[in-house]
Amino acid sequence: AILNHISEVYRKLGHYKEALAHAQKALEQLKALQIDPHPDIVVCYQNCAQALDHLRNYPEALSHYQKALVHSLKIYEEPHPVVASIYHQMGVVLRCMNRFQEAFAHYRKALAQRKTLYKVPHLQIATSYTNIGEVLRCVGDSQKALAYYQKALEQFLQLYSPEEMLLKTLKTPEKLGGNTTA
């Protein structure tokens, strides 16, 4: 577990190669224990995927998210926050790969689970609406994109004051060059 924590810290520091190396080492050690399925294995796959995503190795990131999903479905019943998060992350990677229809499908799965798991308004639901809107905008369906952006805005306005919302959406240095993974 400590290697996973180290991986997460390296990722937060922006040291993605080191984060990946530690997550891979943690995964190797857990596999050697033959305790599959186990929640820590899911975390290892997610940590690998997140580091690979930041390194813009999207095919490998997607592969690790797929493995995380398979393992998480052996452990958790749907809907579950971990499963919803993996669907969301897969949508992020697929969007980065310009595979918009697949991204849309994964974002919809995440949204469906989040709407079951959380009371409205909720940040995760608002984020799902935003990302679905983004995919629809990318494929040129402006009317549907607008509808999803408006749903997201309604949620955000229930969660934050307009001033807080503006501060949260301002482009920070971290957001300018990379994609956001939630």
C-alpha atoms as a PDB file:
ATOM      1  CA  ALA A   1       0.000   0.000   0.000  1.00  0.00           C
ATOM      2  CA  ILE A   2       2.849   2.381   0.727  1.00  0.00           C
ATOM      3  CA  LEU A   3       4.064   2.179  -2.880  1.00  0.00           C
ATOM      4  CA  ASN A   4       0.599   3.253  -4.024  1.00  0.00           C
ATOM      5  CA  HIS A   5       0.745   6.239  -1.686  1.00  0.00           C
ATOM      6  CA  ILE A   6       4.190   7.154  -2.979  1.00  0.00           C
ATOM      7  CA  SER A   7       2.870   6.850  -6.538  1.00  0.00           C
ATOM      8  CA  GLU A   8       0.000   9.214  -5.746  1.00  0.00           C
ATOM      9  CA  VAL A   9       2.377  11.766  -4.232  1.00  0.00           C
ATOM     10  CA  TYR A  10       4.701  11.643  -7.230  1.00  0.00           C
ATOM     11  CA  ARG A  11       1.698  12.132  -9.526  1.00  0.00           C
ATOM     12  CA  LYS A  12       0.533  15.140  -7.534  1.00  0.00           C
ATOM     13  CA  LEU A  13       4.062  16.569  -7.757  1.00  0.00           C
ATOM     14  CA  GLY A  14       3.989  16.124 -11.530  1.00  0.00           C
ATOM     15  CA  HIS A  15       6.618  13.358 -11.562  1.00  0.00           C
ATOM     16  CA  TYR A  16       4.611  10.987 -13.721  1.00  0.00           C
ATOM     17  CA  LYS A  17       7.357   8.534 -14.656  1.00  0.00           C
ATOM     18  CA  GLU A  18       8.194   8.016 -10.991  1.00  0.00           C
ATOM     19  CA  ALA A  19       4.496   7.687 -10.181  1.00  0.00           C
ATOM     20  CA  LEU A  20       4.115   5.036 -12.865  1.00  0.00           C
ATOM     21  CA  ALA A  21       7.178   3.105 -11.686  1.00  0.00           C
ATOM     22  CA  HIS A  22       5.915   2.964  -8.098  1.00  0.00           C
ATOM     23  CA  ALA A  23       2.406   1.969  -9.117  1.00  0.00           C
ATOM     24  CA  GLN A  24       3.768  -0.787 -11.365  1.00  0.00           C
ATOM     25  CA  LYS A  25       5.988  -2.080  -8.559  1.00  0.00           C
ATOM     26  CA  ALA A  26       3.036  -2.084  -6.159  1.00  0.00           C
ATOM     27  CA  LEU A  27       0.970  -3.972  -8.726  1.00  0.00           C
ATOM     28  CA  GLU A  28       3.712  -6.590  -9.210  1.00  0.00           C
ATOM     29  CA  GLN A  29       3.953  -7.139  -5.458  1.00  0.00           C
ATOM     30  CA  LEU A  30       0.197  -7.496  -5.041  1.00  0.00           C
ATOM     31  CA  LYS A  31      -0.078  -9.910  -7.956  1.00  0.00           C
ATOM     32  CA  ALA A  32       2.670 -12.027  -6.385  1.00  0.00           C
ATOM     33  CA  LEU A  33       0.505 -12.384  -3.265  1.00  0.00           C
ATOM     34  CA  GLN A  34      -2.280 -13.908  -5.396  1.00  0.00           C
ATOM     35  CA  ILE A  35      -5.029 -11.990  -3.612  1.00  0.00           C
ATOM     36  CA  ASP A  36      -6.977 -11.171  -6.739  1.00  0.00           C
ATOM     37  CA  PRO A  37      -9.491  -9.563  -6.701  1.00  0.00           C
ATOM     38  CA  HIS A  38      -8.499  -6.955  -4.146  1.00  0.00           C
ATOM     39  CA  PRO A  39      -9.264  -3.206  -3.879  1.00  0.00           C
ATOM     40  CA  ASP A  40      -5.540  -2.353  -3.748  1.00  0.00           C
ATOM     41  CA  ILE A  41      -5.075  -3.975  -7.162  1.00  0.00           C
ATOM     42  CA  VAL A  42      -7.793  -1.697  -8.533  1.00  0.00           C
ATOM     43  CA  VAL A  43      -5.974   1.306  -7.035  1.00  0.00           C
ATOM     44  CA  CYS A  44      -2.692   0.173  -8.622  1.00  0.00           C
ATOM     45  CA  TYR A  45      -4.277  -0.068 -12.060  1.00  0.00           C
ATOM     46  CA  GLN A  46      -5.869   3.361 -11.572  1.00  0.00           C
ATOM     47  CA  ASN A  47      -2.572   4.896 -10.446  1.00  0.00           C
ATOM     48  CA  CYS A  48      -0.790   3.423 -13.476  1.00  0.00           C
ATOM     49  CA  ALA A  49      -3.535   4.703 -15.750  1.00  0.00           C
ATOM     50  CA  GLN A  50      -3.479   8.204 -14.297  1.00  0.00           C
ATOM     51  CA  ALA A  51       0.298   8.464 -14.691  1.00  0.00           C
ATOM     52  CA  LEU A  52       0.061   7.151 -18.264  1.00  0.00           C
ATOM     53  CA  ASP A  53      -2.746   9.631 -18.972  1.00  0.00           C
ATOM     54  CA  HIS A  54      -0.539  12.520 -17.815  1.00  0.00           C
ATOM     55  CA  LEU A  55       2.285  11.146 -19.962  1.00  0.00           C
ATOM     56  CA  ARG A  56      -0.205  11.189 -22.864  1.00  0.00           C
ATOM     57  CA  ASN A  57       0.138   7.452 -23.418  1.00  0.00           C
ATOM     58  CA  TYR A  58      -3.610   7.137 -23.867  1.00  0.00           C
ATOM     59  CA  PRO A  59      -3.811   3.587 -25.271  1.00  0.00           C
ATOM     60  CA  GLU A  60      -1.883   2.210 -22.269  1.00  0.00           C
ATOM     61  CA  ALA A  61      -3.878   4.379 -19.855  1.00  0.00           C
ATOM     62  CA  LEU A  62      -7.103   3.016 -21.325  1.00  0.00           C
ATOM     63  CA  SER A  63      -5.808  -0.551 -21.015  1.00  0.00           C
ATOM     64  CA  HIS A  64      -5.065  -0.013 -17.322  1.00  0.00           C
ATOM     65  CA  TYR A  65      -8.475   1.546 -16.718  1.00  0.00           C
ATOM     66  CA  GLN A  66     -10.080  -1.445 -18.426  1.00  0.00           C
ATOM     67  CA  LYS A  67      -8.190  -3.776 -16.081  1.00  0.00           C
ATOM     68  CA  ALA A  68      -9.216  -1.639 -13.103  1.00  0.00           C
ATOM     69  CA  LEU A  69     -12.835  -1.885 -14.235  1.00  0.00           C
ATOM     70  CA  VAL A  70     -12.713  -5.666 -14.612  1.00  0.00           C
ATOM     71  CA  HIS A  71     -11.217  -6.048 -11.134  1.00  0.00           C
ATOM     72  CA  SER A  72     -13.550  -3.518  -9.524  1.00  0.00           C
ATOM     73  CA  LEU A  73     -16.619  -5.294 -10.933  1.00  0.00           C
ATOM     74  CA  LYS A  74     -15.435  -8.478  -9.192  1.00  0.00           C
ATOM     75  CA  ILE A  75     -15.358  -6.609  -5.875  1.00  0.00           C
ATOM     76  CA  TYR A  76     -18.141  -4.016  -5.932  1.00  0.00           C
ATOM     77  CA  GLU A  77     -21.785  -4.110  -6.859  1.00  0.00           C
ATOM     78  CA  GLU A  78     -22.987  -1.413  -9.208  1.00  0.00           C
ATOM     79  CA  PRO A  79     -23.562   1.384  -8.645  1.00  0.00           C
ATOM     80  CA  HIS A  80     -20.379   2.104  -6.728  1.00  0.00           C
ATOM     81  CA  PRO A  81     -18.224   5.258  -6.510  1.00  0.00           C
ATOM     82  CA  VAL A  82     -15.083   3.406  -7.628  1.00  0.00           C
ATOM     83  CA  VAL A  83     -16.833   1.930 -10.670  1.00  0.00           C
ATOM     84  CA  ALA A  84     -18.373   5.297 -11.568  1.00  0.00           C
ATOM     85  CA  SER A  85     -14.965   6.954 -11.289  1.00  0.00           C
ATOM     86  CA  ILE A  86     -13.352   4.384 -13.575  1.00  0.00           C
ATOM     87  CA  TYR A  87     -16.081   4.852 -16.194  1.00  0.00           C
ATOM     88  CA  HIS A  88     -15.492   8.603 -15.951  1.00  0.00           C
ATOM     89  CA  GLN A  89     -11.716   8.270 -16.286  1.00  0.00           C
ATOM     90  CA  MET A  90     -12.107   5.990 -19.283  1.00  0.00           C
ATOM     91  CA  GLY A  91     -14.302   8.680 -20.838  1.00  0.00           C
ATOM     92  CA  VAL A  92     -11.566  11.257 -20.269  1.00  0.00           C
ATOM     93  CA  VAL A  93      -8.956   9.093 -21.982  1.00  0.00           C
ATOM     94  CA  LEU A  94     -11.267   8.185 -24.862  1.00  0.00           C
ATOM     95  CA  ARG A  95     -12.052  11.876 -25.386  1.00  0.00           C
ATOM     96  CA  CYS A  96      -8.318  12.625 -25.528  1.00  0.00           C
ATOM     97  CA  MET A  97      -8.038   9.908 -28.189  1.00  0.00           C
ATOM     98  CA  ASN A  98     -10.868  11.565 -30.182  1.00  0.00           C
ATOM     99  CA  ARG A  99     -13.021   8.467 -29.696  1.00  0.00           C
ATOM    100  CA  PHE A 100     -16.012  10.614 -28.866  1.00  0.00           C
ATOM    101  CA  GLN A 101     -18.823   8.067 -29.144  1.00  0.00           C
ATOM    102  CA  GLU A 102     -17.055   5.718 -26.742  1.00  0.00           C
ATOM    103  CA  ALA A 103     -16.241   8.616 -24.413  1.00  0.00           C
ATOM    104  CA  PHE A 104     -19.918   9.623 -24.492  1.00  0.00           C
ATOM    105  CA  ALA A 105     -20.996   6.080 -23.571  1.00  0.00           C
ATOM    106  CA  HIS A 106     -18.569   5.913 -20.641  1.00  0.00           C
ATOM    107  CA  TYR A 107     -19.540   9.357 -19.362  1.00  0.00           C
ATOM    108  CA  ARG A 108     -23.205   8.297 -19.513  1.00  0.00           C
ATOM    109  CA  LYS A 109     -22.430   5.167 -17.460  1.00  0.00           C
ATOM    110  CA  ALA A 110     -20.620   7.295 -14.893  1.00  0.00           C
ATOM    111  CA  LEU A 111     -23.523   9.762 -14.787  1.00  0.00           C
ATOM    112  CA  ALA A 112     -26.103   7.017 -14.324  1.00  0.00           C
ATOM    113  CA  GLN A 113     -24.189   5.577 -11.397  1.00  0.00           C
ATOM    114  CA  ARG A 114     -23.519   8.968  -9.835  1.00  0.00           C
ATOM    115  CA  LYS A 115     -27.187   9.952 -10.048  1.00  0.00           C
ATOM    116  CA  THR A 116     -28.025   6.771  -8.128  1.00  0.00           C
ATOM    117  CA  LEU A 117     -25.241   7.226  -5.579  1.00  0.00           C
ATOM    118  CA  TYR A 118     -25.456  10.937  -4.759  1.00  0.00           C
ATOM    119  CA  LYS A 119     -28.109  13.439  -3.839  1.00  0.00           C
ATOM    120  CA  VAL A 120     -28.594  16.352  -6.213  1.00  0.00           C
ATOM    121  CA  PRO A 121     -26.780  18.719  -6.366  1.00  0.00           C
ATOM    122  CA  HIS A 122     -23.407  16.989  -6.357  1.00  0.00           C
ATOM    123  CA  LEU A 123     -20.050  17.919  -7.825  1.00  0.00           C
ATOM    124  CA  GLN A 124     -19.586  14.510  -9.463  1.00  0.00           C
ATOM    125  CA  ILE A 125     -22.959  14.756 -11.214  1.00  0.00           C
ATOM    126  CA  ALA A 126     -22.189  18.290 -12.394  1.00  0.00           C
ATOM    127  CA  THR A 127     -18.801  17.116 -13.682  1.00  0.00           C
ATOM    128  CA  SER A 128     -20.465  14.295 -15.611  1.00  0.00           C
ATOM    129  CA  TYR A 129     -22.895  16.745 -17.222  1.00  0.00           C
ATOM    130  CA  THR A 130     -20.002  19.028 -18.159  1.00  0.00           C
ATOM    131  CA  ASN A 131     -17.989  16.237 -19.764  1.00  0.00           C
ATOM    132  CA  ILE A 132     -20.969  14.896 -21.705  1.00  0.00           C
ATOM    133  CA  GLY A 133     -21.557  18.436 -22.943  1.00  0.00           C
ATOM    134  CA  GLU A 134     -17.919  18.676 -23.971  1.00  0.00           C
ATOM    135  CA  VAL A 135     -18.102  15.472 -26.034  1.00  0.00           C
ATOM    136  CA  LEU A 136     -21.303  16.639 -27.702  1.00  0.00           C
ATOM    137  CA  ARG A 137     -19.662  19.980 -28.493  1.00  0.00           C
ATOM    138  CA  CYS A 138     -16.673  18.182 -30.003  1.00  0.00           C
ATOM    139  CA  VAL A 139     -18.900  16.186 -32.367  1.00  0.00           C
ATOM    140  CA  GLY A 140     -20.825  19.309 -33.372  1.00  0.00           C
ATOM    141  CA  ASP A 141     -24.091  18.665 -31.521  1.00  0.00           C
ATOM    142  CA  SER A 142     -24.296  22.160 -30.050  1.00  0.00           C
ATOM    143  CA  GLN A 143     -27.951  22.009 -28.956  1.00  0.00           C
ATOM    144  CA  LYS A 144     -27.480  18.861 -26.871  1.00  0.00           C
ATOM    145  CA  ALA A 145     -24.141  20.153 -25.581  1.00  0.00           C
ATOM    146  CA  LEU A 146     -25.846  23.329 -24.412  1.00  0.00           C
ATOM    147  CA  ALA A 147     -28.525  21.333 -22.594  1.00  0.00           C
ATOM    148  CA  TYR A 148     -25.888  19.347 -20.683  1.00  0.00           C
ATOM    149  CA  TYR A 149     -23.829  22.445 -19.915  1.00  0.00           C
ATOM    150  CA  GLN A 150     -26.989  24.082 -18.531  1.00  0.00           C
ATOM    151  CA  LYS A 151     -27.664  21.050 -16.310  1.00  0.00           C
ATOM    152  CA  ALA A 152     -24.088  21.290 -15.050  1.00  0.00           C
ATOM    153  CA  LEU A 153     -24.456  25.007 -14.405  1.00  0.00           C
ATOM    154  CA  GLU A 154     -27.652  24.447 -12.405  1.00  0.00           C
ATOM    155  CA  GLN A 155     -25.811  21.946 -10.203  1.00  0.00           C
ATOM    156  CA  PHE A 156     -22.755  24.168  -9.785  1.00  0.00           C
ATOM    157  CA  LEU A 157     -24.903  27.172  -8.845  1.00  0.00           C
ATOM    158  CA  GLN A 158     -26.580  25.103  -6.145  1.00  0.00           C
ATOM    159  CA  LEU A 159     -23.194  24.080  -4.804  1.00  0.00           C
ATOM    160  CA  TYR A 160     -21.265  27.356  -5.063  1.00  0.00           C
ATOM    161  CA  SER A 161     -21.845  31.059  -5.137  1.00  0.00           C
ATOM    162  CA  PRO A 162     -21.178  32.668  -8.547  1.00  0.00           C
ATOM    163  CA  GLU A 163     -17.904  34.070  -7.189  1.00  0.00           C
ATOM    164  CA  GLU A 164     -16.740  30.670  -5.901  1.00  0.00           C
ATOM    165  CA  MET A 165     -17.683  29.072  -9.209  1.00  0.00           C
ATOM    166  CA  LEU A 166     -15.686  31.634 -11.156  1.00  0.00           C
ATOM    167  CA  LEU A 167     -12.636  31.019  -8.982  1.00  0.00           C
ATOM    168  CA  LYS A 168     -12.958  27.244  -9.428  1.00  0.00           C
ATOM    169  CA  THR A 169     -13.167  27.496 -13.210  1.00  0.00           C
ATOM    170  CA  LEU A 170     -10.347  29.970 -13.784  1.00  0.00           C
ATOM    171  CA  LYS A 171      -7.503  28.440 -15.737  1.00  0.00           C
ATOM    172  CA  THR A 172      -4.761  27.549 -13.302  1.00  0.00           C
ATOM    173  CA  PRO A 173      -1.265  26.645 -14.536  1.00  0.00           C
ATOM    174  CA  GLU A 174      -2.043  22.933 -13.949  1.00  0.00           C
ATOM    175  CA  LYS A 175      -5.175  23.112 -16.098  1.00  0.00           C
ATOM    176  CA  LEU A 176      -3.642  25.012 -18.998  1.00  0.00           C
ATOM    177  CA  GLY A 177      -1.509  22.202 -20.397  1.00  0.00           C
ATOM    178  CA  GLY A 178      -3.264  19.042 -19.334  1.00  0.00           C
ATOM    179  CA  ASN A 179      -6.590  17.385 -19.166  1.00  0.00           C
ATOM    180  CA  THR A 180      -8.590  17.299 -15.977  1.00  0.00           C
ATOM    181  CA  THR A 181      -9.295  13.931 -14.440  1.00  0.00           C
ATOM    182  CA  ALA A 182     -11.954  13.679 -11.816  1.00  0.00           C
END
